[in-house]
Amino acid sequence: MVKRKTAIKIRKAHRYLGIFLGIQFLMWTISGMYFSWTDIDEIHGDQFRQDPIVASAFKDLISPSEVNLEEAIVSVELREIDGEPFYWINGKQLFDARTGAEKKAISETEALKIAERNMLPELEVKGIELIEQVDNHSEYRGRPLPAYVISYETPENIKAYVSEKDGAFQTLRHRDWRWFDFLWMTHTMDYEGRDDFNTIVLRAFSLLGLITVLSGLLLWYISSPTIRKIKKRNK
């Protein structure tokens, strides 16, 4: 039988571990419930985007091989920017698909047109700005920079992002996505980039959580009247 002093030590360890880990356990539970009860398409903001986007048809386009490009062509995408066709070649350079002229960057007006083509027509633009750098906590982290941020006059605080270099509509962010992102951070315990499941903090809390559960089972075992009766019968 476990000595009384040992049982008291186990009980204290279990209690203090429970207090220490309780807040994180609560956040894991709350975030898990939120993830299971939300529609991921709504989190992505699909309800604010035009679907489907009507594709434009163009004539009199030159061959991509005719543009002034030093390296061999590996990939080509045809993109529409403010009603005009452009080739996005090798994921690096943008060229007018009619003249072959290189386009270094898109303008604010063109960015607004691109956003207008992707977003619902009833959304009212509040402002636009160009961002050149973001930190690890930014809602636009991990995407091409510089980029235009188009803000909309809505309760959801919607922002659309368009890459300045290639004119691609990157993503949109809104209130529910930001809540999701915050809870995802608390769930993964990656307080820098959000998506790393191998952080030391997460590993430590997972291990301590396992110890807490095992200590609870051990306390049940050494204090259970049923277990005591079984042991007495087997003597």
Protein backbone atom coordinates (compact mmCIF):
# COMPACT_ATOMS: atom_id res chain seq x y z
CA MET A 1 0.00 0.00 0.00
CA VAL A 2 1.20 3.50 -0.80
CA LYS A 3 2.39 5.42 2.24
CA ARG A 4 0.33 8.38 3.40
CA LYS A 5 3.15 10.88 2.82
CA THR A 6 3.63 9.63 -0.73
CA ALA A 7 -0.11 9.90 -1.39
CA ILE A 8 -0.11 13.49 -0.09
CA LYS A 9 2.80 14.38 -2.40
CA ILE A 10 1.03 12.89 -5.40
CA ARG A 11 -2.16 14.74 -4.49
CA LYS A 12 -0.31 18.06 -4.18
CA ALA A 13 1.51 17.53 -7.48
CA HIS A 14 -1.78 16.71 -9.19
CA ARG A 15 -3.48 19.78 -7.71
CA TYR A 16 -0.76 22.25 -8.66
CA LEU A 17 -0.36 20.78 -12.14
CA GLY A 18 -4.10 21.13 -12.61
CA ILE A 19 -4.00 24.79 -11.58
CA PHE A 20 -0.99 25.50 -13.79
CA LEU A 21 -2.40 23.73 -16.84
CA GLY A 22 -6.05 24.61 -16.29
CA ILE A 23 -6.07 27.81 -18.35
CA GLN A 24 -4.39 26.12 -21.31
CA PHE A 25 -6.75 23.13 -21.07
CA LEU A 26 -9.64 25.61 -21.11
CA MET A 27 -8.24 27.33 -24.21
CA TRP A 28 -7.78 23.98 -25.96
CA THR A 29 -11.40 23.12 -25.20
CA ILE A 30 -12.82 26.50 -26.25
CA SER A 31 -10.78 26.65 -29.45
CA GLY A 32 -11.62 23.04 -30.30
CA MET A 33 -15.33 23.74 -29.87
CA TYR A 34 -15.07 26.85 -32.00
CA PHE A 35 -13.28 24.99 -34.80
CA SER A 36 -15.85 22.17 -34.81
CA TRP A 37 -18.85 24.51 -34.85
CA THR A 38 -17.69 26.94 -37.54
CA ASP A 39 -17.90 26.66 -41.31
CA ILE A 40 -14.36 26.89 -42.67
CA ASP A 41 -15.63 28.43 -45.93
CA GLU A 42 -17.14 31.29 -43.93
CA ILE A 43 -13.87 31.69 -42.02
CA HIS A 44 -12.11 31.99 -45.39
CA GLY A 45 -14.61 34.73 -46.31
CA ASP A 46 -16.21 32.97 -49.29
CA GLN A 47 -19.50 34.71 -48.48
CA PHE A 48 -17.89 38.06 -49.36
CA ARG A 49 -16.47 36.95 -52.73
CA GLN A 50 -18.01 36.69 -56.16
CA ASP A 51 -18.56 33.09 -57.14
CA PRO A 52 -17.98 32.23 -59.86
CA ILE A 53 -15.68 34.91 -61.26
CA VAL A 54 -16.52 35.41 -64.93
CA ALA A 55 -13.45 34.73 -67.04
CA SER A 56 -12.67 37.24 -69.81
CA ALA A 57 -11.75 36.26 -73.36
CA PHE A 58 -8.97 38.03 -75.24
CA LYS A 59 -7.83 38.21 -78.87
CA ASP A 60 -4.66 39.28 -80.66
CA LEU A 61 -2.31 38.02 -77.97
CA ILE A 62 1.35 37.53 -78.74
CA SER A 63 3.12 34.27 -77.94
CA PRO A 64 4.81 34.21 -74.50
CA SER A 65 8.03 33.27 -76.30
CA GLU A 66 8.04 36.73 -77.97
CA VAL A 67 8.54 38.67 -74.73
CA ASN A 68 12.00 39.93 -73.83
CA LEU A 69 12.92 37.22 -71.35
CA GLU A 70 16.49 36.11 -70.70
CA GLU A 71 15.71 32.70 -69.21
CA ALA A 72 13.67 29.80 -70.58
CA ILE A 73 9.94 29.75 -69.87
CA VAL A 74 8.91 27.22 -67.24
CA SER A 75 5.41 28.44 -66.42
CA VAL A 76 2.92 30.91 -67.87
CA GLU A 77 -0.33 32.26 -66.43
CA LEU A 78 -2.74 34.55 -68.24
CA ARG A 79 -4.07 37.21 -65.89
CA GLU A 80 -6.55 40.02 -66.27
CA ILE A 81 -5.68 43.39 -64.77
CA ASP A 82 -8.21 46.17 -65.20
CA GLY A 83 -9.66 44.47 -68.28
CA GLU A 84 -6.28 43.93 -69.94
CA PRO A 85 -4.41 40.61 -70.46
CA PHE A 86 -1.00 39.97 -68.95
CA TYR A 87 1.37 37.01 -68.83
CA TRP A 88 2.81 36.07 -65.44
CA ILE A 89 5.92 34.13 -66.45
CA ASN A 90 8.02 31.81 -64.27
CA GLY A 91 6.35 33.23 -61.19
CA LYS A 92 8.62 36.27 -61.46
CA GLN A 93 7.71 38.77 -64.19
CA LEU A 94 4.57 40.34 -65.58
CA PHE A 95 4.27 41.18 -69.29
CA ASP A 96 1.57 42.80 -71.40
CA ALA A 97 0.09 39.93 -73.43
CA ARG A 98 -0.46 42.20 -76.46
CA THR A 99 2.73 44.28 -76.59
CA GLY A 100 5.20 42.19 -74.63
CA ALA A 101 6.13 45.17 -72.45
CA GLU A 102 7.16 44.29 -68.92
CA LYS A 103 4.98 45.64 -66.11
CA LYS A 104 6.94 46.22 -62.93
CA ALA A 105 3.99 46.79 -60.61
CA ILE A 106 0.27 47.51 -60.63
CA SER A 107 -1.24 50.82 -59.56
CA GLU A 108 -3.80 51.58 -56.83
CA THR A 109 -6.50 51.93 -59.47
CA GLU A 110 -5.66 48.54 -60.93
CA ALA A 111 -5.61 46.96 -57.47
CA LEU A 112 -9.09 48.35 -56.82
CA LYS A 113 -10.31 46.88 -60.11
CA ILE A 114 -8.86 43.48 -59.21
CA ALA A 115 -10.53 43.58 -55.81
CA GLU A 116 -13.79 44.71 -57.40
CA ARG A 117 -13.70 41.72 -59.73
CA ASN A 118 -13.28 39.33 -56.81
CA MET A 119 -15.42 40.89 -54.10
CA LEU A 120 -19.20 41.31 -53.87
CA PRO A 121 -20.37 44.46 -55.72
CA GLU A 122 -22.37 45.77 -52.76
CA LEU A 123 -19.26 46.14 -50.59
CA GLU A 124 -18.19 49.78 -50.24
CA VAL A 125 -14.48 50.58 -50.31
CA LYS A 126 -13.30 52.64 -47.34
CA GLY A 127 -9.63 53.00 -48.26
CA ILE A 128 -6.52 51.51 -49.83
CA GLU A 129 -2.87 51.46 -48.81
CA LEU A 130 0.36 49.78 -49.87
CA ILE A 131 2.21 47.65 -47.32
CA GLU A 132 5.83 46.63 -47.84
CA GLN A 133 6.52 44.56 -44.74
CA VAL A 134 4.60 42.70 -42.02
CA ASP A 135 5.54 40.92 -38.78
CA ASN A 136 4.90 37.32 -37.75
CA HIS A 137 1.57 38.24 -36.17
CA SER A 138 0.17 39.98 -39.22
CA GLU A 139 -3.02 38.62 -40.78
CA TYR A 140 -1.16 38.79 -44.13
CA ARG A 141 1.92 36.87 -42.99
CA GLY A 142 3.59 34.48 -45.42
CA ARG A 143 2.28 36.12 -48.59
CA PRO A 144 3.85 38.22 -51.39
CA LEU A 145 4.95 41.77 -50.60
CA PRO A 146 4.50 44.61 -51.38
CA ALA A 147 0.71 44.36 -51.44
CA TYR A 148 -2.29 46.64 -51.55
CA VAL A 149 -4.75 46.47 -48.66
CA ILE A 150 -8.31 47.41 -49.61
CA SER A 151 -10.54 48.14 -46.61
CA TYR A 152 -14.34 47.96 -46.75
CA GLU A 153 -17.02 49.83 -44.86
CA THR A 154 -18.54 46.83 -43.06
CA PRO A 155 -19.13 45.68 -39.45
CA GLU A 156 -16.90 42.67 -40.19
CA ASN A 157 -13.92 44.97 -40.90
CA ILE A 158 -13.17 43.25 -44.21
CA LYS A 159 -9.77 43.74 -45.84
CA ALA A 160 -8.76 42.39 -49.26
CA TYR A 161 -5.11 41.93 -50.29
CA VAL A 162 -3.73 42.25 -53.83
CA SER A 163 -0.08 41.64 -54.71
CA GLU A 164 1.56 44.72 -56.23
CA LYS A 165 4.07 42.79 -58.33
CA ASP A 166 1.81 40.34 -60.15
CA GLY A 167 -1.70 41.72 -59.61
CA ALA A 168 -2.98 38.51 -58.03
CA PHE A 169 -5.85 38.64 -55.56
CA GLN A 170 -4.22 37.05 -52.52
CA THR A 171 -6.79 36.76 -49.78
CA LEU A 172 -9.34 38.55 -47.63
CA ARG A 173 -9.56 38.86 -43.89
CA HIS A 174 -12.50 39.67 -41.65
CA ARG A 175 -13.57 39.62 -38.00
CA ASP A 176 -14.41 35.89 -37.73
CA TRP A 177 -11.14 34.93 -39.41
CA ARG A 178 -9.23 37.00 -36.86
CA TRP A 179 -11.00 35.24 -33.98
CA PHE A 180 -10.17 31.91 -35.64
CA ASP A 181 -6.54 32.94 -36.01
CA PHE A 182 -6.29 33.96 -32.35
CA LEU A 183 -7.85 30.71 -31.13
CA TRP A 184 -5.66 28.73 -33.51
CA MET A 185 -2.63 30.39 -31.91
CA THR A 186 -3.80 29.38 -28.43
CA HIS A 187 -4.53 25.86 -29.68
CA THR A 188 -1.14 25.26 -31.29
CA MET A 189 0.69 27.40 -28.71
CA ASP A 190 2.79 28.83 -31.53
CA TYR A 191 2.82 32.48 -30.50
CA GLU A 192 5.12 33.51 -33.34
CA GLY A 193 3.91 32.14 -36.65
CA ARG A 194 0.75 30.23 -35.60
CA ASP A 195 1.37 27.06 -37.63
CA ASP A 196 4.24 25.25 -35.91
CA PHE A 197 3.07 22.13 -34.06
CA ASN A 198 6.57 21.32 -32.82
CA THR A 199 7.16 24.15 -30.38
CA ILE A 200 8.86 23.41 -27.08
CA VAL A 201 5.97 25.06 -25.22
CA LEU A 202 3.38 22.76 -26.81
CA ARG A 203 5.51 19.68 -26.16
CA ALA A 204 6.05 20.67 -22.52
CA PHE A 205 2.36 21.34 -21.87
CA SER A 206 1.37 18.09 -23.60
CA LEU A 207 3.80 16.15 -21.42
CA LEU A 208 2.64 17.91 -18.26
CA GLY A 209 -0.96 17.23 -19.28
CA LEU A 210 -0.19 13.53 -19.57
CA ILE A 211 1.48 13.56 -16.14
CA THR A 212 -1.59 15.30 -14.68
CA VAL A 213 -3.92 12.65 -16.08
CA LEU A 214 -1.69 9.79 -14.91
CA SER A 215 -1.36 11.28 -11.43
CA GLY A 216 -5.14 11.58 -11.27
CA LEU A 217 -5.54 7.91 -12.20
CA LEU A 218 -2.91 6.98 -9.61
CA LEU A 219 -4.77 8.95 -6.92
CA TRP A 220 -7.97 7.16 -7.83
CA TYR A 221 -6.20 3.83 -7.61
CA ILE A 222 -4.64 4.38 -4.18
CA SER A 223 -7.76 5.96 -2.65
CA SER A 224 -10.53 3.87 -4.19
CA PRO A 225 -12.51 1.79 -1.63
CA THR A 226 -13.26 -0.73 -4.37
CA ILE A 227 -9.56 -1.32 -5.06
CA ARG A 228 -8.92 -1.71 -1.33
CA LYS A 229 -11.65 -4.34 -1.03
CA ILE A 230 -10.24 -6.27 -4.01
CA LYS A 231 -6.77 -6.22 -2.47
CA LYS A 232 -8.08 -7.48 0.88
CA ARG A 233 -9.91 -10.37 -0.80
CA ASN A 234 -6.73 -11.41 -2.63
CA LYS A 235 -4.64 -11.54 0.51
